[in-house]
Amino acid sequence: PEDTATYYCNLDAEYALKTYKTFWGQGTQVTV
């Protein structure tokens, strides 16, 4: 039950040559 939360994925992407940025997903609900 304590795993219940909104889960977000995250990544660091090279979106331009040698340029990096962190991006986030929209979130997905997990209910136990």
PDB file of all heavy atoms in Angstrom:
ATOM      1  N   PRO A   1       0.809  -1.224   0.000  1.00  0.00           N
ATOM      2  CA  PRO A   1       0.000   0.000   0.000  1.00  0.00           C
ATOM      3  C   PRO A   1       0.840   1.271   0.000  1.00  0.00           C
ATOM      4  O   PRO A   1       0.442   2.268  -0.612  1.00  0.00           O
ATOM      5  CB  PRO A   1      -0.826  -0.127   1.286  1.00  0.00           C
ATOM      6  CG  PRO A   1      -0.966  -1.601   1.472  1.00  0.00           C
ATOM      7  CD  PRO A   1       0.356  -2.175   1.027  1.00  0.00           C
ATOM      8  N   GLU A   2       1.995   1.254   0.656  1.00  0.00           N
ATOM      9  CA  GLU A   2       2.846   2.431   0.702  1.00  0.00           C
ATOM     10  C   GLU A   2       3.514   2.744  -0.633  1.00  0.00           C
ATOM     11  O   GLU A   2       4.157   3.787  -0.777  1.00  0.00           O
ATOM     12  CB  GLU A   2       3.908   2.305   1.804  1.00  0.00           C
ATOM     13  CG  GLU A   2       4.686   1.005   1.765  1.00  0.00           C
ATOM     14  CD  GLU A   2       4.140  -0.030   2.732  1.00  0.00           C
ATOM     15  OE1 GLU A   2       2.901  -0.188   2.789  1.00  0.00           O
ATOM     16  OE2 GLU A   2       4.941  -0.679   3.438  1.00  0.00           O
ATOM     17  N   ASP A   3       3.377   1.857  -1.621  1.00  0.00           N
ATOM     18  CA  ASP A   3       3.863   2.141  -2.965  1.00  0.00           C
ATOM     19  C   ASP A   3       2.882   3.009  -3.751  1.00  0.00           C
ATOM     20  O   ASP A   3       3.208   3.452  -4.859  1.00  0.00           O
ATOM     21  CB  ASP A   3       4.108   0.849  -3.740  1.00  0.00           C
ATOM     22  CG  ASP A   3       5.239   0.018  -3.161  1.00  0.00           C
ATOM     23  OD1 ASP A   3       6.270   0.602  -2.761  1.00  0.00           O
ATOM     24  OD2 ASP A   3       5.089  -1.219  -3.109  1.00  0.00           O
ATOM     25  N   THR A   4       1.700   3.229  -3.209  1.00  0.00           N
ATOM     26  CA  THR A   4       0.701   4.057  -3.876  1.00  0.00           C
ATOM     27  C   THR A   4       1.254   5.459  -4.105  1.00  0.00           C
ATOM     28  O   THR A   4       1.683   6.133  -3.165  1.00  0.00           O
ATOM     29  CB  THR A   4      -0.586   4.130  -3.055  1.00  0.00           C
ATOM     30  OG1 THR A   4      -1.174   2.826  -2.978  1.00  0.00           O
ATOM     31  CG2 THR A   4      -1.586   5.087  -3.686  1.00  0.00           C
ATOM     32  N   ALA A   5       1.239   5.905  -5.353  1.00  0.00           N
ATOM     33  CA  ALA A   5       1.804   7.202  -5.703  1.00  0.00           C
ATOM     34  C   ALA A   5       1.578   7.468  -7.179  1.00  0.00           C
ATOM     35  O   ALA A   5       1.190   6.576  -7.940  1.00  0.00           O
ATOM     36  CB  ALA A   5       3.305   7.238  -5.400  1.00  0.00           C
ATOM     37  N   THR A   6       1.839   8.702  -7.564  1.00  0.00           N
ATOM     38  CA  THR A   6       1.952   9.030  -8.972  1.00  0.00           C
ATOM     39  C   THR A   6       3.406   8.820  -9.376  1.00  0.00           C
ATOM     40  O   THR A   6       4.305   9.382  -8.752  1.00  0.00           O
ATOM     41  CB  THR A   6       1.533  10.479  -9.259  1.00  0.00           C
ATOM     42  OG1 THR A   6       0.181  10.671  -8.832  1.00  0.00           O
ATOM     43  CG2 THR A   6       1.626  10.783 -10.746  1.00  0.00           C
ATOM     44  N   TYR A   7       3.625   8.010 -10.388  1.00  0.00           N
ATOM     45  CA  TYR A   7       4.976   7.680 -10.823  1.00  0.00           C
ATOM     46  C   TYR A   7       5.334   8.477 -12.071  1.00  0.00           C
ATOM     47  O   TYR A   7       4.562   8.548 -13.029  1.00  0.00           O
ATOM     48  CB  TYR A   7       5.094   6.179 -11.108  1.00  0.00           C
ATOM     49  CG  TYR A   7       5.184   5.340  -9.858  1.00  0.00           C
ATOM     50  CD1 TYR A   7       4.074   5.178  -9.035  1.00  0.00           C
ATOM     51  CD2 TYR A   7       6.380   4.727  -9.491  1.00  0.00           C
ATOM     52  CE1 TYR A   7       4.152   4.434  -7.871  1.00  0.00           C
ATOM     53  CE2 TYR A   7       6.461   3.972  -8.331  1.00  0.00           C
ATOM     54  CZ  TYR A   7       5.352   3.828  -7.525  1.00  0.00           C
ATOM     55  OH  TYR A   7       5.432   3.078  -6.375  1.00  0.00           O
ATOM     56  N   TYR A   8       6.512   9.071 -12.054  1.00  0.00           N
ATOM     57  CA  TYR A   8       6.993   9.899 -13.150  1.00  0.00           C
ATOM     58  C   TYR A   8       8.295   9.331 -13.701  1.00  0.00           C
ATOM     59  O   TYR A   8       9.210   9.044 -12.940  1.00  0.00           O
ATOM     60  CB  TYR A   8       7.256  11.332 -12.685  1.00  0.00           C
ATOM     61  CG  TYR A   8       6.050  12.060 -12.162  1.00  0.00           C
ATOM     62  CD1 TYR A   8       5.711  12.004 -10.821  1.00  0.00           C
ATOM     63  CD2 TYR A   8       5.255  12.825 -13.014  1.00  0.00           C
ATOM     64  CE1 TYR A   8       4.606  12.683 -10.332  1.00  0.00           C
ATOM     65  CE2 TYR A   8       4.150  13.507 -12.537  1.00  0.00           C
ATOM     66  CZ  TYR A   8       3.832  13.432 -11.201  1.00  0.00           C
ATOM     67  OH  TYR A   8       2.742  14.111 -10.717  1.00  0.00           O
ATOM     68  N   CYS A   9       8.385   9.202 -15.013  1.00  0.00           N
ATOM     69  CA  CYS A   9       9.665   8.853 -15.600  1.00  0.00           C
ATOM     70  C   CYS A   9      10.446  10.124 -15.899  1.00  0.00           C
ATOM     71  O   CYS A   9       9.890  11.217 -16.019  1.00  0.00           O
ATOM     72  CB  CYS A   9       9.508   7.989 -16.855  1.00  0.00           C
ATOM     73  SG  CYS A   9       8.705   8.790 -18.252  1.00  0.00           S
ATOM     74  N   ASN A  10      11.731   9.955 -16.005  1.00  0.00           N
ATOM     75  CA  ASN A  10      12.651  11.081 -16.127  1.00  0.00           C
ATOM     76  C   ASN A  10      13.848  10.636 -16.961  1.00  0.00           C
ATOM     77  O   ASN A  10      14.273   9.479 -16.878  1.00  0.00           O
ATOM     78  CB  ASN A  10      13.079  11.520 -14.714  1.00  0.00           C
ATOM     79  CG  ASN A  10      14.311  12.394 -14.688  1.00  0.00           C
ATOM     80  OD1 ASN A  10      15.431  11.885 -14.788  1.00  0.00           O
ATOM     81  ND2 ASN A  10      14.108  13.684 -14.527  1.00  0.00           N
ATOM     82  N   LEU A  11      14.379  11.542 -17.757  1.00  0.00           N
ATOM     83  CA  LEU A  11      15.583  11.223 -18.504  1.00  0.00           C
ATOM     84  C   LEU A  11      16.375  12.471 -18.834  1.00  0.00           C
ATOM     85  O   LEU A  11      15.845  13.580 -18.852  1.00  0.00           O
ATOM     86  CB  LEU A  11      15.257  10.458 -19.796  1.00  0.00           C
ATOM     87  CG  LEU A  11      14.402  11.139 -20.865  1.00  0.00           C
ATOM     88  CD1 LEU A  11      15.241  12.061 -21.747  1.00  0.00           C
ATOM     89  CD2 LEU A  11      13.728  10.073 -21.732  1.00  0.00           C
ATOM     90  N   ASP A  12      17.653  12.254 -19.066  1.00  0.00           N
ATOM     91  CA  ASP A  12      18.534  13.301 -19.570  1.00  0.00           C
ATOM     92  C   ASP A  12      18.775  13.022 -21.044  1.00  0.00           C
ATOM     93  O   ASP A  12      19.291  11.960 -21.403  1.00  0.00           O
ATOM     94  CB  ASP A  12      19.855  13.319 -18.814  1.00  0.00           C
ATOM     95  CG  ASP A  12      19.684  13.699 -17.360  1.00  0.00           C
ATOM     96  OD1 ASP A  12      18.801  14.528 -17.067  1.00  0.00           O
ATOM     97  OD2 ASP A  12      20.437  13.172 -16.514  1.00  0.00           O
ATOM     98  N   ALA A  13      18.399  13.967 -21.896  1.00  0.00           N
ATOM     99  CA  ALA A  13      18.505  13.780 -23.335  1.00  0.00           C
ATOM    100  C   ALA A  13      19.458  14.789 -23.957  1.00  0.00           C
ATOM    101  O   ALA A  13      19.527  15.944 -23.530  1.00  0.00           O
ATOM    102  CB  ALA A  13      17.139  13.906 -24.006  1.00  0.00           C
ATOM    103  N   GLU A  14      20.191  14.336 -24.949  1.00  0.00           N
ATOM    104  CA  GLU A  14      20.995  15.214 -25.789  1.00  0.00           C
ATOM    105  C   GLU A  14      20.069  15.700 -26.899  1.00  0.00           C
ATOM    106  O   GLU A  14      19.990  15.092 -27.967  1.00  0.00           O
ATOM    107  CB  GLU A  14      22.204  14.456 -26.345  1.00  0.00           C
ATOM    108  CG  GLU A  14      23.169  15.313 -27.132  1.00  0.00           C
ATOM    109  CD  GLU A  14      24.301  14.489 -27.737  1.00  0.00           C
ATOM    110  OE1 GLU A  14      24.200  13.246 -27.764  1.00  0.00           O
ATOM    111  OE2 GLU A  14      25.298  15.088 -28.189  1.00  0.00           O
ATOM    112  N   TYR A  15      19.352  16.783 -26.646  1.00  0.00           N
ATOM    113  CA  TYR A  15      18.340  17.257 -27.581  1.00  0.00           C
ATOM    114  C   TYR A  15      18.925  18.101 -28.708  1.00  0.00           C
ATOM    115  O   TYR A  15      18.254  18.339 -29.720  1.00  0.00           O
ATOM    116  CB  TYR A  15      17.236  18.024 -26.846  1.00  0.00           C
ATOM    117  CG  TYR A  15      17.665  19.342 -26.245  1.00  0.00           C
ATOM    118  CD1 TYR A  15      17.453  20.531 -26.933  1.00  0.00           C
ATOM    119  CD2 TYR A  15      18.260  19.394 -24.993  1.00  0.00           C
ATOM    120  CE1 TYR A  15      17.836  21.741 -26.382  1.00  0.00           C
ATOM    121  CE2 TYR A  15      18.643  20.602 -24.445  1.00  0.00           C
ATOM    122  CZ  TYR A  15      18.434  21.776 -25.141  1.00  0.00           C
ATOM    123  OH  TYR A  15      18.813  22.984 -24.597  1.00  0.00           O
ATOM    124  N   ALA A  16      20.122  18.588 -28.537  1.00  0.00           N
ATOM    125  CA  ALA A  16      20.902  19.230 -29.587  1.00  0.00           C
ATOM    126  C   ALA A  16      22.329  18.730 -29.416  1.00  0.00           C
ATOM    127  O   ALA A  16      22.667  18.129 -28.392  1.00  0.00           O
ATOM    128  CB  ALA A  16      20.817  20.747 -29.499  1.00  0.00           C
ATOM    129  N   LEU A  17      23.167  18.961 -30.405  1.00  0.00           N
ATOM    130  CA  LEU A  17      24.521  18.431 -30.346  1.00  0.00           C
ATOM    131  C   LEU A  17      25.241  18.921 -29.094  1.00  0.00           C
ATOM    132  O   LEU A  17      25.396  20.125 -28.878  1.00  0.00           O
ATOM    133  CB  LEU A  17      25.296  18.829 -31.596  1.00  0.00           C
ATOM    134  CG  LEU A  17      26.672  18.196 -31.768  1.00  0.00           C
ATOM    135  CD1 LEU A  17      26.548  16.683 -31.857  1.00  0.00           C
ATOM    136  CD2 LEU A  17      27.362  18.750 -33.006  1.00  0.00           C
ATOM    137  N   LYS A  18      25.646  17.979 -28.267  1.00  0.00           N
ATOM    138  CA  LYS A  18      26.367  18.238 -27.027  1.00  0.00           C
ATOM    139  C   LYS A  18      25.621  19.190 -26.099  1.00  0.00           C
ATOM    140  O   LYS A  18      26.231  19.921 -25.325  1.00  0.00           O
ATOM    141  CB  LYS A  18      27.779  18.762 -27.322  1.00  0.00           C
ATOM    142  CG  LYS A  18      28.646  17.757 -28.064  1.00  0.00           C
ATOM    143  CD  LYS A  18      30.060  18.282 -28.244  1.00  0.00           C
ATOM    144  CE  LYS A  18      30.931  17.264 -28.950  1.00  0.00           C
ATOM    145  NZ  LYS A  18      32.320  17.762 -29.121  1.00  0.00           N
ATOM    146  N   THR A  19      24.293  19.171 -26.186  1.00  0.00           N
ATOM    147  CA  THR A  19      23.443  19.992 -25.334  1.00  0.00           C
ATOM    148  C   THR A  19      22.452  19.077 -24.643  1.00  0.00           C
ATOM    149  O   THR A  19      21.682  18.375 -25.308  1.00  0.00           O
ATOM    150  CB  THR A  19      22.714  21.066 -26.137  1.00  0.00           C
ATOM    151  OG1 THR A  19      23.667  21.859 -26.850  1.00  0.00           O
ATOM    152  CG2 THR A  19      21.912  21.974 -25.214  1.00  0.00           C
ATOM    153  N   TYR A  20      22.425  19.102 -23.316  1.00  0.00           N
ATOM    154  CA  TYR A  20      21.640  18.148 -22.540  1.00  0.00           C
ATOM    155  C   TYR A  20      20.594  18.847 -21.696  1.00  0.00           C
ATOM    156  O   TYR A  20      20.766  19.977 -21.241  1.00  0.00           O
ATOM    157  CB  TYR A  20      22.564  17.311 -21.639  1.00  0.00           C
ATOM    158  CG  TYR A  20      23.613  16.551 -22.406  1.00  0.00           C
ATOM    159  CD1 TYR A  20      24.825  17.151 -22.752  1.00  0.00           C
ATOM    160  CD2 TYR A  20      23.392  15.232 -22.795  1.00  0.00           C
ATOM    161  CE1 TYR A  20      25.780  16.455 -23.465  1.00  0.00           C
ATOM    162  CE2 TYR A  20      24.347  14.532 -23.509  1.00  0.00           C
ATOM    163  CZ  TYR A  20      25.544  15.149 -23.843  1.00  0.00           C
ATOM    164  OH  TYR A  20      26.487  14.455 -24.550  1.00  0.00           O
ATOM    165  N   LYS A  21      19.500  18.146 -21.460  1.00  0.00           N
ATOM    166  CA  LYS A  21      18.395  18.681 -20.683  1.00  0.00           C
ATOM    167  C   LYS A  21      17.599  17.534 -20.066  1.00  0.00           C
ATOM    168  O   LYS A  21      17.525  16.439 -20.637  1.00  0.00           O
ATOM    169  CB  LYS A  21      17.489  19.538 -21.564  1.00  0.00           C
ATOM    170  CG  LYS A  21      16.363  20.251 -20.835  1.00  0.00           C
ATOM    171  CD  LYS A  21      15.571  21.111 -21.803  1.00  0.00           C
ATOM    172  CE  LYS A  21      14.441  21.848 -21.103  1.00  0.00           C
ATOM    173  NZ  LYS A  21      13.677  22.698 -22.050  1.00  0.00           N
ATOM    174  N   THR A  22      17.004  17.792 -18.916  1.00  0.00           N
ATOM    175  CA  THR A  22      16.171  16.813 -18.242  1.00  0.00           C
ATOM    176  C   THR A  22      14.717  16.957 -18.677  1.00  0.00           C
ATOM    177  O   THR A  22      14.180  18.060 -18.734  1.00  0.00           O
ATOM    178  CB  THR A  22      16.265  16.978 -16.721  1.00  0.00           C
ATOM    179  OG1 THR A  22      17.623  16.789 -16.313  1.00  0.00           O
ATOM    180  CG2 THR A  22      15.377  15.974 -16.011  1.00  0.00           C
ATOM    181  N   PHE A  23      14.070  15.829 -18.966  1.00  0.00           N
ATOM    182  CA  PHE A  23      12.672  15.807 -19.370  1.00  0.00           C
ATOM    183  C   PHE A  23      11.889  14.885 -18.451  1.00  0.00           C
ATOM    184  O   PHE A  23      12.427  13.916 -17.900  1.00  0.00           O
ATOM    185  CB  PHE A  23      12.533  15.333 -20.824  1.00  0.00           C
ATOM    186  CG  PHE A  23      13.156  16.259 -21.826  1.00  0.00           C
ATOM    187  CD1 PHE A  23      14.490  16.142 -22.168  1.00  0.00           C
ATOM    188  CD2 PHE A  23      12.407  17.257 -22.431  1.00  0.00           C
ATOM    189  CE1 PHE A  23      15.075  16.995 -23.085  1.00  0.00           C
ATOM    190  CE2 PHE A  23      12.973  18.121 -23.354  1.00  0.00           C
ATOM    191  CZ  PHE A  23      14.311  17.986 -23.680  1.00  0.00           C
ATOM    192  N   TRP A  24      10.603  15.188 -18.304  1.00  0.00           N
ATOM    193  CA  TRP A  24       9.723  14.440 -17.413  1.00  0.00           C
ATOM    194  C   TRP A  24       8.490  13.929 -18.150  1.00  0.00           C
ATOM    195  O   TRP A  24       7.973  14.578 -19.053  1.00  0.00           O
ATOM    196  CB  TRP A  24       9.261  15.320 -16.250  1.00  0.00           C
ATOM    197  CG  TRP A  24      10.350  15.683 -15.298  1.00  0.00           C
ATOM    198  CD1 TRP A  24      11.221  16.728 -15.396  1.00  0.00           C
ATOM    199  CD2 TRP A  24      10.679  14.999 -14.089  1.00  0.00           C
ATOM    200  NE1 TRP A  24      12.074  16.733 -14.322  1.00  0.00           N
ATOM    201  CE2 TRP A  24      11.760  15.691 -13.512  1.00  0.00           C
ATOM    202  CE3 TRP A  24      10.160  13.884 -13.446  1.00  0.00           C
ATOM    203  CZ2 TRP A  24      12.335  15.288 -12.304  1.00  0.00           C
ATOM    204  CZ3 TRP A  24      10.731  13.484 -12.248  1.00  0.00           C
ATOM    205  CH2 TRP A  24      11.800  14.182 -11.694  1.00  0.00           C
ATOM    206  N   GLY A  25       8.018  12.761 -17.726  1.00  0.00           N
ATOM    207  CA  GLY A  25       6.764  12.244 -18.222  1.00  0.00           C
ATOM    208  C   GLY A  25       5.588  12.893 -17.528  1.00  0.00           C
ATOM    209  O   GLY A  25       5.748  13.674 -16.583  1.00  0.00           O
ATOM    210  N   GLN A  26       4.387  12.569 -17.990  1.00  0.00           N
ATOM    211  CA  GLN A  26       3.185  13.210 -17.453  1.00  0.00           C
ATOM    212  C   GLN A  26       2.728  12.598 -16.131  1.00  0.00           C
ATOM    213  O   GLN A  26       1.892  13.185 -15.441  1.00  0.00           O
ATOM    214  CB  GLN A  26       2.044  13.114 -18.481  1.00  0.00           C
ATOM    215  CG  GLN A  26       1.290  11.787 -18.513  1.00  0.00           C
ATOM    216  CD  GLN A  26       2.015  10.667 -19.231  1.00  0.00           C
ATOM    217  OE1 GLN A  26       3.134  10.834 -19.709  1.00  0.00           O
ATOM    218  NE2 GLN A  26       1.367   9.508 -19.324  1.00  0.00           N
ATOM    219  N   GLY A  27       3.252  11.450 -15.790  1.00  0.00           N
ATOM    220  CA  GLY A  27       2.874  10.763 -14.569  1.00  0.00           C
ATOM    221  C   GLY A  27       1.801   9.716 -14.810  1.00  0.00           C
ATOM    222  O   GLY A  27       0.913   9.897 -15.634  1.00  0.00           O
ATOM    223  N   THR A  28       1.899   8.613 -14.097  1.00  0.00           N
ATOM    224  CA  THR A  28       0.882   7.569 -14.156  1.00  0.00           C
ATOM    225  C   THR A  28       0.576   7.114 -12.735  1.00  0.00           C
ATOM    226  O   THR A  28       1.477   6.944 -11.916  1.00  0.00           O
ATOM    227  CB  THR A  28       1.341   6.387 -15.035  1.00  0.00           C
ATOM    228  OG1 THR A  28       0.284   5.431 -15.142  1.00  0.00           O
ATOM    229  CG2 THR A  28       2.570   5.704 -14.462  1.00  0.00           C
ATOM    230  N   GLN A  29      -0.697   6.922 -12.443  1.00  0.00           N
ATOM    231  CA  GLN A  29      -1.126   6.607 -11.086  1.00  0.00           C
ATOM    232  C   GLN A  29      -1.014   5.118 -10.808  1.00  0.00           C
ATOM    233  O   GLN A  29      -1.484   4.285 -11.589  1.00  0.00           O
ATOM    234  CB  GLN A  29      -2.571   7.067 -10.860  1.00  0.00           C
ATOM    235  CG  GLN A  29      -3.117   6.761  -9.472  1.00  0.00           C
ATOM    236  CD  GLN A  29      -2.397   7.532  -8.383  1.00  0.00           C
ATOM    237  OE1 GLN A  29      -2.025   8.691  -8.581  1.00  0.00           O
ATOM    238  NE2 GLN A  29      -2.191   6.894  -7.232  1.00  0.00           N
ATOM    239  N   VAL A  30      -0.395   4.794  -9.684  1.00  0.00           N
ATOM    240  CA  VAL A  30      -0.329   3.427  -9.178  1.00  0.00           C
ATOM    241  C   VAL A  30      -1.009   3.401  -7.820  1.00  0.00           C
ATOM    242  O   VAL A  30      -0.600   4.117  -6.909  1.00  0.00           O
ATOM    243  CB  VAL A  30       1.122   2.933  -9.054  1.00  0.00           C
ATOM    244  CG1 VAL A  30       1.174   1.582  -8.346  1.00  0.00           C
ATOM    245  CG2 VAL A  30       1.770   2.837 -10.427  1.00  0.00           C
ATOM    246  N   THR A  31      -2.035   2.585  -7.699  1.00  0.00           N
ATOM    247  CA  THR A  31      -2.766   2.463  -6.446  1.00  0.00           C
ATOM    248  C   THR A  31      -2.741   1.011  -5.993  1.00  0.00           C
ATOM    249  O   THR A  31      -3.155   0.119  -6.737  1.00  0.00           O
ATOM    250  CB  THR A  31      -4.215   2.931  -6.598  1.00  0.00           C
ATOM    251  OG1 THR A  31      -4.244   4.290  -7.030  1.00  0.00           O
ATOM    252  CG2 THR A  31      -4.956   2.822  -5.268  1.00  0.00           C
ATOM    253  N   VAL A  32      -2.250   0.783  -4.786  1.00  0.00           N
ATOM    254  CA  VAL A  32      -2.161  -0.558  -4.210  1.00  0.00           C
ATOM    255  C   VAL A  32      -3.140  -0.623  -3.049  1.00  0.00           C
ATOM    256  O   VAL A  32      -2.930   0.010  -2.013  1.00  0.00           O
ATOM    257  CB  VAL A  32      -0.744  -0.888  -3.738  1.00  0.00           C
ATOM    258  CG1 VAL A  32      -0.677  -2.328  -3.240  1.00  0.00           C
ATOM    259  CG2 VAL A  32       0.260  -0.655  -4.863  1.00  0.00           C
TER     260      VAL A  32
END
